[in-house]
N, C-alpha and C. Protein backbone atom coordinates (compact mmCIF):
# COMPACT_ATOMS: atom_id res chain seq x y z
N UNK A 1 6.48 10.82 -4.08
CA UNK A 1 6.43 10.09 -5.31
C UNK A 1 6.46 11.45 -6.25
N UNK A 2 7.76 10.93 -7.41
CA UNK A 2 7.44 11.73 -8.56
C UNK A 2 6.73 11.29 -9.78
N UNK A 3 6.48 12.07 -10.40
CA UNK A 3 5.73 11.82 -11.85
C UNK A 3 6.35 12.59 -12.80
N UNK A 4 6.59 11.48 -13.83
CA UNK A 4 7.49 12.58 -15.02
C UNK A 4 6.89 11.86 -16.24
N UNK A 5 7.20 12.42 -17.35
CA UNK A 5 6.70 12.07 -18.64
C UNK A 5 7.72 11.09 -19.26
N UNK A 6 7.50 10.20 -20.05
CA UNK A 6 8.51 9.43 -20.77
C UNK A 6 9.56 10.14 -21.23
N UNK A 7 9.30 10.84 -22.25
CA UNK A 7 10.53 12.09 -22.65
C UNK A 7 11.51 12.43 -21.52
N UNK A 8 10.73 13.22 -20.54
CA UNK A 8 11.48 13.36 -19.38
C UNK A 8 12.47 12.57 -18.79
N UNK A 9 11.74 11.19 -18.49
CA UNK A 9 12.46 9.94 -17.91
C UNK A 9 13.37 9.65 -18.63
N UNK A 10 13.58 9.66 -19.80
CA UNK A 10 14.58 9.14 -21.11
C UNK A 10 15.67 10.58 -20.59
N UNK A 11 15.32 11.45 -20.51
CA UNK A 11 16.66 12.48 -20.49
C UNK A 11 17.01 12.66 -19.23
N UNK A 12 16.32 12.33 -17.98
CA UNK A 12 16.95 12.41 -16.67
C UNK A 12 16.91 11.24 -16.01
N UNK A 13 17.17 9.95 -16.83
CA UNK A 13 17.07 8.86 -16.05
C UNK A 13 18.28 8.78 -15.03
N UNK A 14 19.53 8.89 -15.13
CA UNK A 14 20.49 8.73 -14.33
C UNK A 14 19.98 9.65 -12.87
N UNK A 15 19.56 10.65 -12.87
CA UNK A 15 18.67 11.38 -11.66
C UNK A 15 17.69 10.66 -11.10
N UNK A 16 16.80 10.11 -11.94
CA UNK A 16 15.81 9.38 -11.27
C UNK A 16 16.20 8.09 -10.70
N UNK A 17 17.19 7.59 -11.35
CA UNK A 17 17.87 6.28 -10.79
C UNK A 17 18.26 6.55 -9.21
N UNK A 18 19.04 7.75 -9.00
CA UNK A 18 19.49 8.02 -8.06
C UNK A 18 18.05 8.44 -6.98
N UNK A 19 17.25 8.93 -7.36
CA UNK A 19 16.11 9.06 -6.40
C UNK A 19 15.62 7.80 -6.05
N UNK A 20 15.72 6.96 -6.87
CA UNK A 20 14.82 5.45 -6.71
C UNK A 20 16.02 4.83 -5.77
N UNK A 21 17.15 4.98 -5.77
CA UNK A 21 17.82 4.20 -4.71
C UNK A 21 17.91 4.84 -3.56
N UNK A 22 17.27 5.90 -3.21
CA UNK A 22 17.22 6.40 -2.04
C UNK A 22 15.72 6.20 -1.47
N UNK A 23 14.85 5.46 -2.39
CA UNK A 23 13.44 5.04 -1.65
C UNK A 23 12.43 5.38 -2.18
N UNK A 24 12.77 6.36 -3.24
CA UNK A 24 11.41 7.18 -3.73
C UNK A 24 10.92 6.06 -4.95
N UNK A 25 9.51 6.35 -5.32
CA UNK A 25 9.02 5.72 -6.42
C UNK A 25 8.84 6.98 -7.51
N UNK A 26 9.05 6.74 -8.62
CA UNK A 26 8.82 7.36 -9.88
C UNK A 26 7.67 7.10 -10.81
N UNK A 27 6.73 7.57 -10.94
CA UNK A 27 5.56 7.25 -11.67
C UNK A 27 6.04 7.62 -13.30
N UNK A 28 5.92 6.97 -14.33
CA UNK A 28 6.15 7.34 -15.58
C UNK A 28 4.89 7.46 -16.46
N UNK A 29 4.24 8.71 -17.12
CA UNK A 29 3.26 9.00 -17.47
C UNK A 29 3.55 8.93 -19.38
N UNK A 30 2.28 8.59 -20.01
CA UNK A 30 2.30 9.14 -21.26
C UNK A 30 0.96 9.83 -21.73
N UNK A 31 1.18 10.87 -22.09
CA UNK A 31 0.13 11.69 -22.49
C UNK A 31 -0.93 11.85 -21.06
N UNK A 32 -0.07 12.18 -19.94
CA UNK A 32 -0.59 12.41 -18.74
C UNK A 32 -1.31 11.34 -17.85
N UNK A 33 -1.06 10.09 -18.56
CA UNK A 33 -1.69 8.71 -17.98
C UNK A 33 -0.34 7.96 -17.27
N UNK A 34 -0.61 7.38 -16.10
CA UNK A 34 0.52 6.64 -15.61
C UNK A 34 0.82 5.16 -16.71
N UNK A 35 1.77 4.92 -17.01
CA UNK A 35 2.19 3.76 -17.71
C UNK A 35 3.07 2.59 -16.79
N UNK A 36 3.86 3.30 -16.36
CA UNK A 36 4.65 2.27 -15.30
C UNK A 36 5.14 3.11 -14.27
N UNK A 37 5.59 2.54 -13.07
CA UNK A 37 6.62 2.82 -11.98
C UNK A 37 8.03 2.55 -11.82
N UNK A 38 8.79 3.10 -11.44
CA UNK A 38 10.27 2.90 -11.19
C UNK A 38 10.32 2.70 -9.49
N UNK A 39 10.36 1.71 -9.11
CA UNK A 39 10.26 1.41 -7.82
C UNK A 39 11.59 0.77 -7.29
N UNK A 40 12.09 1.10 -5.96
CA UNK A 40 13.40 0.27 -5.20
C UNK A 40 13.03 -0.83 -5.27
N UNK A 41 14.16 -1.74 -5.53
CA UNK A 41 14.07 -3.14 -5.15
C UNK A 41 14.00 -3.41 -3.45
N UNK A 42 13.02 -4.46 -3.35
CA UNK A 42 12.64 -4.48 -1.79
C UNK A 42 13.87 -5.29 -1.11
N UNK A 43 14.78 -5.83 -1.42
CA UNK A 43 15.73 -6.19 -0.88
C UNK A 43 16.96 -5.15 -0.72
N UNK A 44 17.00 -4.11 -1.48
CA UNK A 44 17.95 -3.14 -1.23
C UNK A 44 17.65 -1.78 -0.58
N UNK A 45 16.24 -1.84 -0.06
CA UNK A 45 15.78 -0.64 0.65
C UNK A 45 15.31 -1.16 2.16
N UNK A 46 15.92 -0.30 2.77
CA UNK A 46 15.84 -0.74 4.35
C UNK A 46 14.14 -0.43 4.31
N UNK A 47 13.35 -1.33 5.35
CA UNK A 47 11.95 -0.88 5.35
C UNK A 47 11.96 -0.72 7.04
N UNK A 48 10.93 -0.07 7.17
CA UNK A 48 10.53 0.21 8.60
C UNK A 48 9.68 -0.96 8.88
N UNK A 49 9.53 -1.42 10.24
CA UNK A 49 8.96 -2.32 10.71
C UNK A 49 7.34 -1.87 10.81
N UNK A 50 6.41 -2.91 10.84
CA UNK A 50 5.21 -2.56 11.07
C UNK A 50 4.13 -2.67 9.51
N UNK A 51 3.29 -2.21 9.72
CA UNK A 51 2.03 -2.01 8.89
C UNK A 51 1.91 -0.67 8.28
N UNK A 52 2.16 -0.26 7.19
CA UNK A 52 2.08 1.00 6.31
C UNK A 52 0.57 1.35 6.31
N UNK A 53 -0.55 1.77 7.27
CA UNK A 53 -1.92 1.87 7.31
C UNK A 53 -2.21 3.01 6.53
N UNK A 54 -1.64 4.05 6.01
CA UNK A 54 -1.87 4.86 4.99
C UNK A 54 -1.72 4.27 3.66
N UNK A 55 -0.76 3.62 3.35
CA UNK A 55 -0.63 2.91 2.22
C UNK A 55 -1.71 2.00 1.96
N UNK A 56 -2.07 1.31 2.98
CA UNK A 56 -3.10 0.33 2.73
C UNK A 56 -4.54 1.25 2.48
N UNK A 57 -4.74 2.21 3.20
CA UNK A 57 -6.20 3.02 3.01
C UNK A 57 -5.98 3.57 1.82
N UNK A 58 -4.76 4.01 1.15
CA UNK A 58 -4.74 4.61 -0.25
C UNK A 58 -5.01 3.32 -1.18
N UNK A 59 -4.69 2.27 -1.04
CA UNK A 59 -4.84 1.27 -2.18
C UNK A 59 -6.55 0.69 -1.91
N UNK A 60 -6.99 0.74 -0.92
CA UNK A 60 -8.57 0.37 -0.85
C UNK A 60 -9.21 1.58 -1.35
N UNK A 61 -8.73 2.92 -1.15
CA UNK A 61 -9.75 3.79 -2.05
C UNK A 61 -9.50 3.89 -3.49
N UNK A 62 -8.29 3.40 -3.75
CA UNK A 62 -7.94 3.05 -5.28
C UNK A 62 -9.07 2.11 -5.59
N UNK A 63 -9.39 1.17 -4.55
CA UNK A 63 -10.18 0.19 -5.26
C UNK A 63 -11.86 0.44 -5.08
N UNK A 64 -12.12 1.44 -4.53
CA UNK A 64 -13.38 1.91 -4.33
C UNK A 64 -14.02 1.79 -2.88
N UNK A 65 -12.96 0.96 -2.28
CA UNK A 65 -13.59 0.86 -0.80
C UNK A 65 -13.56 1.71 -0.15
N UNK A 66 -14.55 2.56 0.45
CA UNK A 66 -14.64 3.72 1.39
C UNK A 66 -14.35 3.10 3.03
N UNK A 67 -14.85 2.06 3.33
CA UNK A 67 -14.85 1.59 4.73
C UNK A 67 -14.59 0.30 4.84
N UNK A 68 -13.31 -0.35 5.21
CA UNK A 68 -13.16 -1.43 5.10
C UNK A 68 -13.66 -2.49 6.18
N UNK A 69 -13.92 -1.73 7.47
CA UNK A 69 -14.87 -2.63 8.23
C UNK A 69 -16.15 -1.89 8.57
N UNK A 70 -17.29 -2.13 7.48
CA UNK A 70 -18.31 -1.43 7.87
C UNK A 70 -19.27 -1.56 8.88
N UNK A 71 -19.11 -2.78 9.74
CA UNK A 71 -20.05 -2.98 10.74
C UNK A 71 -19.15 -4.01 12.02
N UNK A 72 -19.02 -3.63 13.00
CA UNK A 72 -18.78 -4.34 14.29
C UNK A 72 -19.65 -4.14 15.16
N UNK A 73 -20.08 -5.40 15.67
CA UNK A 73 -21.00 -5.84 16.73
C UNK A 73 -20.61 -5.08 17.83
N UNK A 74 -21.66 -4.34 18.84
CA UNK A 74 -21.46 -3.72 19.74
C UNK A 74 -20.79 -4.72 21.00
N UNK A 75 -21.06 -6.14 20.83
CA UNK A 75 -20.51 -6.98 21.77
C UNK A 75 -19.40 -7.81 21.23
N UNK A 76 -18.72 -7.30 20.33
CA UNK A 76 -17.47 -8.13 19.64
C UNK A 76 -16.72 -8.65 20.76
N UNK A 77 -16.32 -7.72 21.75
CA UNK A 77 -15.41 -8.00 22.62
C UNK A 77 -15.79 -8.61 24.16
N UNK A 78 -17.14 -8.68 24.01
CA UNK A 78 -17.61 -9.51 25.32
C UNK A 78 -17.15 -10.77 25.46
N UNK A 79 -16.84 -11.50 26.75
CA UNK A 79 -16.51 -12.94 26.78
C UNK A 79 -17.81 -13.60 26.23
N UNK A 80 -17.25 -15.10 25.94
CA UNK A 80 -18.28 -15.77 25.24
C UNK A 80 -19.02 -16.38 26.51
N UNK A 81 -20.14 -16.94 26.17
CA UNK A 81 -21.06 -17.47 27.21
C UNK A 81 -20.10 -19.09 27.70
N UNK A 82 -20.34 -19.07 28.87
CA UNK A 82 -19.74 -20.36 29.68
C UNK A 82 -20.19 -21.97 28.79
N UNK A 83 -21.48 -21.86 28.42
CA UNK A 83 -21.97 -22.95 27.80
C UNK A 83 -21.24 -23.25 26.72
N UNK A 84 -20.93 -22.11 25.62
CA UNK A 84 -20.31 -22.40 24.48
C UNK A 84 -18.80 -22.76 24.41
N UNK A 85 -17.90 -22.43 25.69
CA UNK A 85 -16.80 -22.57 25.75
C UNK A 85 -16.67 -24.11 26.47
N UNK A 86 -17.75 -24.84 26.99
CA UNK A 86 -17.46 -26.14 27.34
C UNK A 86 -18.01 -27.11 26.68
N UNK A 87 -18.85 -26.63 25.42
CA UNK A 87 -19.46 -27.56 24.49
C UNK A 87 -18.35 -28.25 23.69
N UNK A 88 -18.44 -29.85 23.46
CA UNK A 88 -17.49 -30.49 22.93
C UNK A 88 -17.38 -29.98 21.55
N UNK A 89 -16.26 -30.27 20.87
CA UNK A 89 -16.25 -29.96 19.41
C UNK A 89 -16.93 -31.07 18.60
N UNK A 90 -17.71 -30.68 17.39
CA UNK A 90 -18.61 -31.65 16.61
C UNK A 90 -17.47 -32.86 15.95
C-alpha cells in the first residue's frame, strides 16, 4: 500500500491510477494524517478465493481487539450427551 500527500497525488494522479488498476491501494494524506484511500473497484480486480485472515486481524487490531476468541472451552469438540440429542424440542 502506498501513502502519498494530497499535493503528490495531484501531481502523480495518472501513475497512481495505474497502480490502483494493478490492484494496489493508495492512501492520501493531509499533514501526515490519512484523508482517503484510492482503491480498485471490486468488479474490476480479480480476487483470490477464501478469507484474508491477515486483513481481518489488521482490522480487528485497528478496533482494539487483541484476541477475537478469548476463551474456548476444553470440551468444545466433545460429543453432546445422548439425552440432550433425544430430548424433544420445546
